[in-house]
Amino acid sequence: MSNALPNIPRLYTALAEWSACMVYLMMTRHSFKRLKFYTACTLALALQILLLTLTENIAIYLWIPCMISAVALMFAFIYLCADISWIDAGYYCVNAFVLAEFAASFEWQIRCFFMQSGHAPIYVELGLLFTVYVPVFLSAWLLEKRHAPKEGRLGITSKEMASTVIIGIVVFVFSNLSFISSNTPFSGQYDSEIFIIRTTVDAGGFAILYAHHMQCYELRVRRELESVQSILRNQYVQYQQSKESIDIINQKYHDMKHKIAVLRAEPDAVRRNAYLDKMEAEIKTYEAQNKTGNPVLDTVLTSKSLYSVRHGINLTCVANGKLLDFMDVMDICTIFGNALDNAIESAQRISDPEKRLIHVSVFAQKNFLIIRFENYYESELHFDGNMPVTTKKNRDYHGYGLKSIKYVAQKYGGSVSVQASNNWFDLKILIPM
């Protein structure tokens, strides 16, 4: 075999870079509808081919700026066509670039091994290109898809992004070092060695990036699970505290009824009797409220109702609590505690007391348990898919309330839907009975 191997055609490199971008775009939500999306993909392919083919014979000192331009095109392609943040787009871009480098180098090394430096018919060249590229990119897609979030967004942190960029730069430098200078301890002297080094380093680089991705994914899942578990425990603790407080209140009201009976036995003025009548009516009203048939739900609702009254919020409820008998105590606390906390927090931001409205309903319909929370809101809402994004600044420690509700609903084979229109926020939970 001759040591003089031809360079990889820039057309092949452009196809590899575009295909690698498509691997990650297929795991995200698209910014455009189907026709516009595929039109954008076609335009991106044309631009990538145009850039690389026009710069095929540039001087060596312009090679690095050319590669930076190619990576910038890949980033723009992913960022504009996927409904993700720029950090997620950059993360995908680095992974796609290393994958493209490996695929192009791997295919060309196989081609040169079997065909050496001779020219082959175009259909043979394209056939080999298709034979190598399809399994490589399909395998990469199957691997990456296992750890892709259903919402399509990774939520990569700046530290994770920085470490990914460092890995990508190191892999690129060592895989292409021989093309810049052969006088280093890590360079090859012959073309065959150079391609072996490049393919091996790119393969190892992609493996490292994949392992890094798995680690980031597992840490993110663990952090999210810990946050959800913490919310579950906090809601249960709040339930226990509320139950104790409500028991004390009930005892006080019970004692007050006896005091009223004593006062009635003594002669008094008409106004005093009227006042006592009013007190008794208020007690009966209190006793009647939040009696849903489920003691856990009664406790949560009463606790939130008392808080709402103190803060000028009108909380109403129509609920058949017996429908919740099959649910665990902590699950009931999680759903109603988190949903009402979010609704109350939103209502407190409203300046007009007349608009501080929250309504809760629990009912059965067509063999489904439906739990619904409605509240008026005035603040601006942003959605990530079909779920609203937390308005708090530190998103690493907030925004898990709805996730914990969704987790509980899925535990019982149910689902959660959120709608917001005309300043009404509607959270609906459907659980098969």
Protein backbone atom coordinates (compact mmCIF):
# COMPACT_ATOMS: atom_id res chain seq x y z
CA MET A 1 0.00 0.00 0.00
CA SER A 2 1.34 3.45 -0.91
CA ASN A 3 2.01 5.93 1.86
CA ALA A 4 0.67 8.79 -0.26
CA LEU A 5 -3.06 8.90 0.45
CA PRO A 6 -5.35 11.48 -1.11
CA ASN A 7 -7.06 14.00 1.14
CA ILE A 8 -10.70 13.52 2.12
CA PRO A 9 -12.91 15.32 -0.42
CA ARG A 10 -14.48 18.37 1.19
CA LEU A 11 -17.84 17.24 -0.16
CA TYR A 12 -17.61 14.11 1.99
CA THR A 13 -16.69 16.21 5.03
CA ALA A 14 -19.64 18.53 4.42
CA LEU A 15 -22.01 15.56 4.15
CA ALA A 16 -20.59 14.13 7.39
CA GLU A 17 -21.03 17.42 9.28
CA TRP A 18 -24.58 17.89 8.01
CA SER A 19 -25.51 14.27 8.82
CA ALA A 20 -24.08 14.59 12.33
CA CYS A 21 -26.20 17.68 12.91
CA MET A 22 -29.27 15.76 11.72
CA VAL A 23 -28.52 13.01 14.27
CA TYR A 24 -29.04 15.49 17.11
CA LEU A 25 -31.83 17.45 15.44
CA MET A 26 -33.87 14.25 15.25
CA MET A 27 -33.82 14.15 19.07
CA THR A 28 -35.16 17.66 19.62
CA ARG A 29 -38.35 19.62 19.05
CA HIS A 30 -38.13 21.54 15.81
CA SER A 31 -38.53 25.29 15.55
CA PHE A 32 -40.36 25.01 12.24
CA LYS A 33 -43.16 22.90 10.87
CA ARG A 34 -42.30 19.92 8.71
CA LEU A 35 -42.02 21.60 5.29
CA LYS A 36 -40.08 24.62 6.60
CA PHE A 37 -37.84 22.35 8.66
CA TYR A 38 -36.77 20.18 5.73
CA THR A 39 -36.36 23.27 3.56
CA ALA A 40 -34.02 24.70 6.22
CA CYS A 41 -32.13 21.40 6.35
CA THR A 42 -31.65 21.42 2.58
CA LEU A 43 -30.41 25.01 2.67
CA ALA A 44 -27.99 24.15 5.50
CA LEU A 45 -26.59 21.23 3.48
CA ALA A 46 -26.08 23.49 0.45
CA LEU A 47 -24.28 26.13 2.55
CA GLN A 48 -22.04 23.52 4.21
CA ILE A 49 -21.08 22.02 0.86
CA LEU A 50 -20.50 25.46 -0.65
CA LEU A 51 -18.26 26.61 2.20
CA LEU A 52 -16.08 23.50 2.27
CA THR A 53 -15.75 23.00 -1.48
CA LEU A 54 -14.85 26.65 -2.13
CA THR A 55 -12.10 26.46 0.52
CA GLU A 56 -10.69 23.10 -0.55
CA ASN A 57 -7.31 24.43 -1.75
CA ILE A 58 -6.76 27.23 0.76
CA ALA A 59 -3.41 27.83 2.40
CA ILE A 60 -2.61 25.93 5.56
CA TYR A 61 -2.73 29.07 7.74
CA LEU A 62 -6.35 29.61 6.66
CA TRP A 63 -7.36 26.04 7.42
CA ILE A 64 -8.19 26.69 11.10
CA PRO A 65 -10.43 29.73 10.33
CA CYS A 66 -12.15 27.63 7.69
CA MET A 67 -12.89 24.86 10.20
CA ILE A 68 -14.15 27.43 12.70
CA SER A 69 -16.52 28.74 10.01
CA ALA A 70 -17.75 25.20 9.33
CA VAL A 71 -18.42 24.66 13.05
CA ALA A 72 -20.22 28.01 13.22
CA LEU A 73 -22.50 26.90 10.38
CA MET A 74 -23.23 23.65 12.23
CA PHE A 75 -24.08 25.61 15.37
CA ALA A 76 -26.37 27.98 13.47
CA PHE A 77 -28.07 25.03 11.77
CA ILE A 78 -28.82 23.29 15.09
CA TYR A 79 -29.75 26.45 16.99
CA LEU A 80 -32.15 27.78 14.36
CA CYS A 81 -33.85 24.48 13.56
CA ALA A 82 -34.20 23.14 17.13
CA ASP A 83 -36.31 24.65 19.91
CA ILE A 84 -33.45 24.65 22.43
CA SER A 85 -31.20 27.15 24.20
CA TRP A 86 -27.94 28.30 22.68
CA ILE A 87 -26.02 26.34 25.33
CA ASP A 88 -27.79 23.11 24.36
CA ALA A 89 -27.16 23.93 20.69
CA GLY A 90 -23.45 24.45 21.40
CA TYR A 91 -23.31 21.18 23.32
CA TYR A 92 -24.91 19.29 20.45
CA CYS A 93 -22.64 21.10 17.97
CA VAL A 94 -19.44 19.92 19.67
CA ASN A 95 -20.70 16.34 19.77
CA ALA A 96 -21.81 16.54 16.14
CA PHE A 97 -18.46 17.93 14.98
CA VAL A 98 -16.43 15.16 16.64
CA LEU A 99 -18.86 12.56 15.27
CA ALA A 100 -18.53 14.04 11.77
CA GLU A 101 -14.73 14.03 11.99
CA PHE A 102 -14.76 10.37 12.95
CA ALA A 103 -17.24 9.35 10.25
CA ALA A 104 -15.38 11.17 7.47
CA SER A 105 -11.98 9.83 8.54
CA PHE A 106 -13.28 6.29 9.07
CA GLU A 107 -14.98 6.16 5.66
CA TRP A 108 -11.97 7.57 3.83
CA GLN A 109 -9.55 5.20 5.55
CA ILE A 110 -11.67 2.20 4.47
CA ARG A 111 -11.94 3.61 0.96
CA CYS A 112 -8.17 4.08 0.64
CA PHE A 113 -7.46 0.63 2.06
CA PHE A 114 -9.52 -1.13 -0.57
CA MET A 115 -9.04 1.27 -3.49
CA GLN A 116 -5.69 2.75 -2.47
CA SER A 117 -5.04 5.97 -4.35
CA GLY A 118 -6.73 4.97 -7.59
CA HIS A 119 -9.93 6.59 -8.77
CA ALA A 120 -13.11 4.52 -8.65
CA PRO A 121 -16.38 4.99 -10.54
CA ILE A 122 -18.68 7.51 -8.95
CA TYR A 123 -21.30 4.89 -8.09
CA VAL A 124 -18.66 2.85 -6.22
CA GLU A 125 -17.51 5.94 -4.29
CA LEU A 126 -21.07 6.91 -3.37
CA GLY A 127 -22.00 3.31 -2.57
CA LEU A 128 -19.11 3.00 -0.11
CA LEU A 129 -19.94 6.42 1.35
CA PHE A 130 -23.54 5.35 1.92
CA THR A 131 -22.47 1.96 3.29
CA VAL A 132 -20.24 3.55 5.93
CA TYR A 133 -22.10 6.75 6.80
CA VAL A 134 -25.52 5.18 7.36
CA PRO A 135 -24.41 2.61 10.01
CA VAL A 136 -22.15 5.15 11.74
CA PHE A 137 -24.76 7.89 12.07
CA LEU A 138 -27.61 5.47 12.76
CA SER A 139 -25.60 3.85 15.56
CA ALA A 140 -24.79 7.28 17.00
CA TRP A 141 -28.48 8.25 16.89
CA LEU A 142 -29.53 5.05 18.66
CA LEU A 143 -26.90 5.60 21.36
CA GLU A 144 -27.69 9.27 21.95
CA LYS A 145 -31.46 8.77 21.81
CA ARG A 146 -31.36 6.56 24.91
CA HIS A 147 -30.41 9.58 27.03
CA ALA A 148 -32.31 12.28 25.17
CA PRO A 149 -34.99 14.04 27.26
CA LYS A 150 -38.59 13.68 26.09
CA GLU A 151 -38.99 17.44 26.13
CA GLY A 152 -36.07 17.76 23.71
CA ARG A 153 -34.11 20.16 25.94
CA LEU A 154 -31.01 19.10 27.83
CA GLY A 155 -30.68 21.95 30.30
CA ILE A 156 -26.88 21.86 30.03
CA THR A 157 -25.08 23.99 32.62
CA SER A 158 -22.25 26.36 31.75
CA LYS A 159 -19.72 24.06 33.48
CA GLU A 160 -20.91 21.04 31.50
CA MET A 161 -20.73 23.09 28.32
CA ALA A 162 -17.19 24.28 29.12
CA SER A 163 -15.93 20.74 29.76
CA THR A 164 -17.53 19.54 26.51
CA VAL A 165 -15.84 22.31 24.51
CA ILE A 166 -12.48 21.47 26.09
CA ILE A 167 -12.86 17.79 25.18
CA GLY A 168 -13.85 18.71 21.62
CA ILE A 169 -10.85 21.06 21.16
CA VAL A 170 -8.40 18.51 22.54
CA VAL A 171 -9.77 15.77 20.29
CA PHE A 172 -9.64 18.04 17.22
CA VAL A 173 -6.07 19.19 17.94
CA PHE A 174 -4.63 15.72 18.49
CA SER A 175 -6.51 14.14 15.57
CA ASN A 176 -5.31 16.81 13.12
CA LEU A 177 -1.90 17.61 14.59
CA SER A 178 -0.11 15.55 11.94
CA PHE A 179 -1.61 17.66 9.15
CA ILE A 180 -0.04 20.80 10.64
CA SER A 181 3.35 19.45 11.70
CA SER A 182 4.98 16.03 11.58
CA ASN A 183 7.72 17.08 13.97
CA THR A 184 5.90 16.37 17.25
CA PRO A 185 5.81 13.32 19.55
CA PHE A 186 2.13 12.82 18.64
CA SER A 187 2.37 13.18 14.85
CA GLY A 188 2.61 10.51 12.16
CA GLN A 189 5.33 10.47 9.53
CA TYR A 190 3.37 8.77 6.77
CA ASP A 191 -0.09 9.40 5.37
CA SER A 192 -1.34 5.98 6.42
CA GLU A 193 -0.24 6.64 10.00
CA ILE A 194 -1.85 10.07 9.95
CA PHE A 195 -5.25 8.67 9.00
CA ILE A 196 -4.99 5.87 11.58
CA ILE A 197 -4.19 8.44 14.29
CA ARG A 198 -7.02 10.69 13.17
CA THR A 199 -9.62 7.93 13.06
CA THR A 200 -8.52 6.44 16.39
CA VAL A 201 -8.44 9.78 18.22
CA ASP A 202 -11.84 10.83 16.80
CA ALA A 203 -13.37 7.48 17.80
CA GLY A 204 -11.94 7.82 21.29
CA GLY A 205 -13.09 11.43 21.46
CA PHE A 206 -16.66 10.55 20.57
CA ALA A 207 -16.59 7.75 23.17
CA ILE A 208 -15.37 10.22 25.80
CA LEU A 209 -18.07 12.73 24.88
CA TYR A 210 -20.71 10.01 25.05
CA ALA A 211 -19.48 8.92 28.50
CA HIS A 212 -19.47 12.57 29.57
CA HIS A 213 -23.02 12.94 28.27
CA MET A 214 -24.17 9.86 30.22
CA GLN A 215 -22.58 11.22 33.38
CA CYS A 216 -24.24 14.62 32.94
CA TYR A 217 -27.57 12.91 32.26
CA GLU A 218 -27.32 10.70 35.36
CA LEU A 219 -26.33 13.63 37.57
CA ARG A 220 -29.23 15.69 36.22
CA VAL A 221 -31.71 12.85 36.79
CA ARG A 222 -30.35 12.26 40.28
CA ARG A 223 -30.56 15.96 41.14
CA GLU A 224 -34.10 16.15 39.80
CA LEU A 225 -35.14 13.01 41.69
CA GLU A 226 -33.68 14.35 44.92
CA SER A 227 -35.53 17.63 44.44
CA VAL A 228 -38.81 15.83 43.76
CA GLN A 229 -38.34 13.58 46.79
CA SER A 230 -37.60 16.65 48.91
CA ILE A 231 -40.84 18.24 47.72
CA LEU A 232 -42.75 15.07 48.52
CA ARG A 233 -41.35 15.01 52.05
CA ASN A 234 -41.98 18.72 52.59
CA GLN A 235 -45.59 18.47 51.47
CA TYR A 236 -46.18 15.53 53.80
CA VAL A 237 -44.59 17.43 56.69
CA GLN A 238 -46.82 20.42 55.89
CA TYR A 239 -49.83 18.10 55.91
CA GLN A 240 -48.92 16.74 59.34
CA GLN A 241 -48.36 20.25 60.71
CA SER A 242 -51.64 21.46 59.22
CA LYS A 243 -53.49 18.49 60.67
CA GLU A 244 -52.19 19.27 64.14
CA SER A 245 -53.09 22.97 63.77
CA ILE A 246 -56.57 22.19 62.49
CA ASP A 247 -57.16 19.73 65.33
CA ILE A 248 -56.33 22.50 67.80
CA ILE A 249 -58.68 24.89 65.99
CA ASN A 250 -61.45 22.29 66.03
CA GLN A 251 -60.98 21.84 69.75
CA LYS A 252 -61.18 25.61 70.28
CA TYR A 253 -64.38 25.84 68.26
CA HIS A 254 -65.81 22.91 70.16
CA ASP A 255 -65.09 24.69 73.45
CA MET A 256 -66.63 27.88 72.07
CA LYS A 257 -69.90 26.10 71.33
CA HIS A 258 -70.17 25.12 75.00
CA LYS A 259 -69.47 28.70 76.04
CA ILE A 260 -72.24 29.91 73.77
CA ALA A 261 -74.64 27.40 75.32
CA VAL A 262 -73.78 28.74 78.79
CA LEU A 263 -74.32 32.31 77.63
CA ARG A 264 -77.73 31.44 76.19
CA ALA A 265 -78.83 29.99 79.52
CA GLU A 266 -78.45 33.39 81.17
CA PRO A 267 -80.84 36.32 80.58
CA ASP A 268 -79.35 38.79 78.09
CA ALA A 269 -80.25 41.54 75.67
CA VAL A 270 -81.63 41.00 72.20
CA ARG A 271 -78.46 42.28 70.55
CA ARG A 272 -76.35 39.86 72.52
CA ASN A 273 -78.53 36.97 71.34
CA ALA A 274 -78.17 38.19 67.78
CA TYR A 275 -74.40 38.32 68.20
CA LEU A 276 -74.37 34.80 69.59
CA ASP A 277 -76.53 33.64 66.70
CA LYS A 278 -73.99 35.07 64.31
CA MET A 279 -71.09 33.37 66.11
CA GLU A 280 -72.88 30.03 65.97
CA ALA A 281 -73.62 30.45 62.29
CA GLU A 282 -69.93 31.17 61.60
CA ILE A 283 -68.93 28.04 63.48
CA LYS A 284 -71.36 25.94 61.45
CA THR A 285 -69.98 27.49 58.29
CA TYR A 286 -66.47 26.56 59.34
CA GLU A 287 -67.53 23.02 60.20
CA ALA A 288 -69.19 22.59 56.84
CA GLN A 289 -66.32 23.81 54.69
CA ASN A 290 -63.80 21.41 53.08
CA LYS A 291 -65.70 18.28 54.11
CA THR A 292 -64.92 16.33 50.95
CA GLY A 293 -65.08 12.81 52.32
CA ASN A 294 -61.30 12.36 52.38
CA PRO A 295 -59.60 13.43 55.63
CA VAL A 296 -56.22 14.03 53.96
CA LEU A 297 -57.73 16.28 51.31
CA ASP A 298 -59.81 18.04 53.97
CA THR A 299 -56.67 18.86 55.93
CA VAL A 300 -54.75 20.17 52.93
CA LEU A 301 -57.68 22.24 51.67
CA THR A 302 -58.47 23.70 55.08
CA SER A 303 -54.83 24.65 55.62
CA LYS A 304 -54.61 26.36 52.23
CA SER A 305 -58.03 27.97 52.74
CA LEU A 306 -56.99 29.55 56.03
CA TYR A 307 -53.82 30.87 54.39
CA SER A 308 -55.84 32.21 51.46
CA VAL A 309 -58.28 34.01 53.74
CA ARG A 310 -55.42 35.73 55.57
CA HIS A 311 -54.02 36.95 52.23
CA GLY A 312 -57.27 38.02 50.61
CA ILE A 313 -57.50 35.11 48.14
CA ASN A 314 -60.85 33.58 47.21
CA LEU A 315 -60.31 29.81 47.18
CA THR A 316 -63.34 27.68 46.28
CA CYS A 317 -63.56 23.93 46.03
CA VAL A 318 -66.03 21.37 44.71
CA ALA A 319 -64.53 17.96 45.37
CA ASN A 320 -65.62 14.39 45.89
CA GLY A 321 -62.80 13.32 48.16
CA LYS A 322 -63.90 9.67 48.25
CA LEU A 323 -62.59 9.32 44.70
CA LEU A 324 -59.07 9.72 46.13
CA ASP A 325 -59.29 6.80 48.56
CA PHE A 326 -57.07 4.61 46.37
CA MET A 327 -54.22 7.13 46.46
CA ASP A 328 -51.36 7.22 48.94
CA VAL A 329 -51.41 9.99 51.57
CA MET A 330 -48.14 11.51 50.33
CA ASP A 331 -49.37 11.50 46.73
CA ILE A 332 -52.51 13.46 47.67
CA CYS A 333 -50.36 15.94 49.60
CA THR A 334 -48.00 16.27 46.66
CA ILE A 335 -50.68 16.98 44.06
CA PHE A 336 -52.85 19.36 46.07
CA GLY A 337 -50.04 20.92 48.09
CA ASN A 338 -47.87 21.83 45.09
CA ALA A 339 -50.73 22.87 42.82
CA LEU A 340 -52.29 25.12 45.46
CA ASP A 341 -48.92 26.57 46.48
CA ASN A 342 -48.30 27.57 42.86
CA ALA A 343 -51.80 29.00 42.47
CA ILE A 344 -51.60 30.94 45.74
CA GLU A 345 -48.16 32.31 44.83
CA SER A 346 -49.55 33.49 41.49
CA ALA A 347 -52.63 35.03 43.13
CA GLN A 348 -50.52 36.96 45.62
CA ARG A 349 -48.87 38.85 42.74
CA ILE A 350 -52.26 40.29 41.69
CA SER A 351 -52.90 43.74 43.08
CA ASP A 352 -56.69 43.66 42.69
CA PRO A 353 -58.21 41.46 45.49
CA GLU A 354 -61.28 40.81 43.34
CA LYS A 355 -59.11 38.93 40.83
CA ARG A 356 -57.37 36.67 43.33
CA LEU A 357 -59.41 33.63 42.37
CA ILE A 358 -58.61 29.93 42.73
CA HIS A 359 -60.99 27.06 42.06
CA VAL A 360 -60.38 23.36 42.75
CA SER A 361 -62.56 20.51 41.52
CA VAL A 362 -62.34 16.73 41.90
CA PHE A 363 -64.80 14.57 39.98
CA ALA A 364 -65.15 11.43 37.89
CA GLN A 365 -65.92 11.36 34.19
CA LYS A 366 -65.90 8.37 31.81
CA ASN A 367 -63.89 6.15 34.18
CA PHE A 368 -61.33 8.89 34.77
CA LEU A 369 -60.54 10.74 37.97
CA ILE A 370 -60.17 14.42 37.05
CA ILE A 371 -58.42 16.83 39.38
CA ARG A 372 -58.53 20.40 38.16
CA PHE A 373 -56.93 23.59 39.44
CA GLU A 374 -57.88 26.95 37.94
CA ASN A 375 -56.56 30.34 38.91
CA TYR A 376 -56.48 33.84 37.51
CA TYR A 377 -53.01 35.19 36.72
CA GLU A 378 -51.47 38.41 35.40
CA SER A 379 -47.76 37.61 35.22
CA GLU A 380 -46.10 36.53 31.97
CA LEU A 381 -45.82 32.77 31.47
CA HIS A 382 -43.18 30.93 29.45
CA PHE A 383 -43.60 27.32 28.41
CA ASP A 384 -41.03 24.58 27.83
CA GLY A 385 -43.04 22.23 25.64
CA ASN A 386 -46.38 21.81 27.39
CA MET A 387 -45.11 22.74 30.86
CA PRO A 388 -44.63 26.27 32.23
CA VAL A 389 -41.12 27.31 33.21
CA THR A 390 -40.50 28.48 36.76
CA THR A 391 -40.39 32.25 37.20
CA LYS A 392 -37.79 32.02 39.96
CA LYS A 393 -34.23 33.02 39.13
CA ASN A 394 -32.52 29.87 40.40
CA ARG A 395 -33.98 27.16 38.20
CA ASP A 396 -31.66 24.49 39.61
CA TYR A 397 -33.67 24.42 42.84
CA HIS A 398 -37.12 25.46 41.64
CA GLY A 399 -39.65 24.34 39.08
CA TYR A 400 -40.01 20.82 40.43
CA GLY A 401 -43.54 21.28 41.80
CA LEU A 402 -45.22 20.48 38.49
CA LYS A 403 -42.68 17.75 37.80
CA SER A 404 -43.56 16.06 41.09
CA ILE A 405 -47.28 16.31 40.21
CA LYS A 406 -46.54 14.77 36.82
CA TYR A 407 -44.48 12.06 38.53
CA VAL A 408 -47.40 11.14 40.83
CA ALA A 409 -49.92 11.15 37.96
CA GLN A 410 -47.70 8.82 35.89
CA LYS A 411 -47.36 6.56 38.92
CA TYR A 412 -51.11 5.84 38.62
CA GLY A 413 -51.04 5.65 34.83
CA GLY A 414 -52.35 9.20 34.41
CA SER A 415 -51.27 12.37 32.68
CA VAL A 416 -51.02 16.11 33.31
CA SER A 417 -52.04 18.91 30.95
CA VAL A 418 -51.62 22.65 31.32
CA GLN A 419 -53.45 25.41 29.47
CA ALA A 420 -53.23 29.16 29.83
CA SER A 421 -55.54 31.55 27.98
CA ASN A 422 -57.34 34.80 28.72
CA ASN A 423 -55.43 35.13 32.01
CA TRP A 424 -56.75 31.79 33.30
CA PHE A 425 -54.29 29.05 34.23
CA ASP A 426 -55.80 25.55 34.01
CA LEU A 427 -53.97 22.53 35.44
CA LYS A 428 -55.76 19.24 34.78
CA ILE A 429 -54.80 15.79 36.02
CA LEU A 430 -56.40 12.68 34.51
CA ILE A 431 -56.00 9.33 36.23
CA PRO A 432 -57.77 6.16 35.04
CA MET A 433 -59.97 4.64 37.72
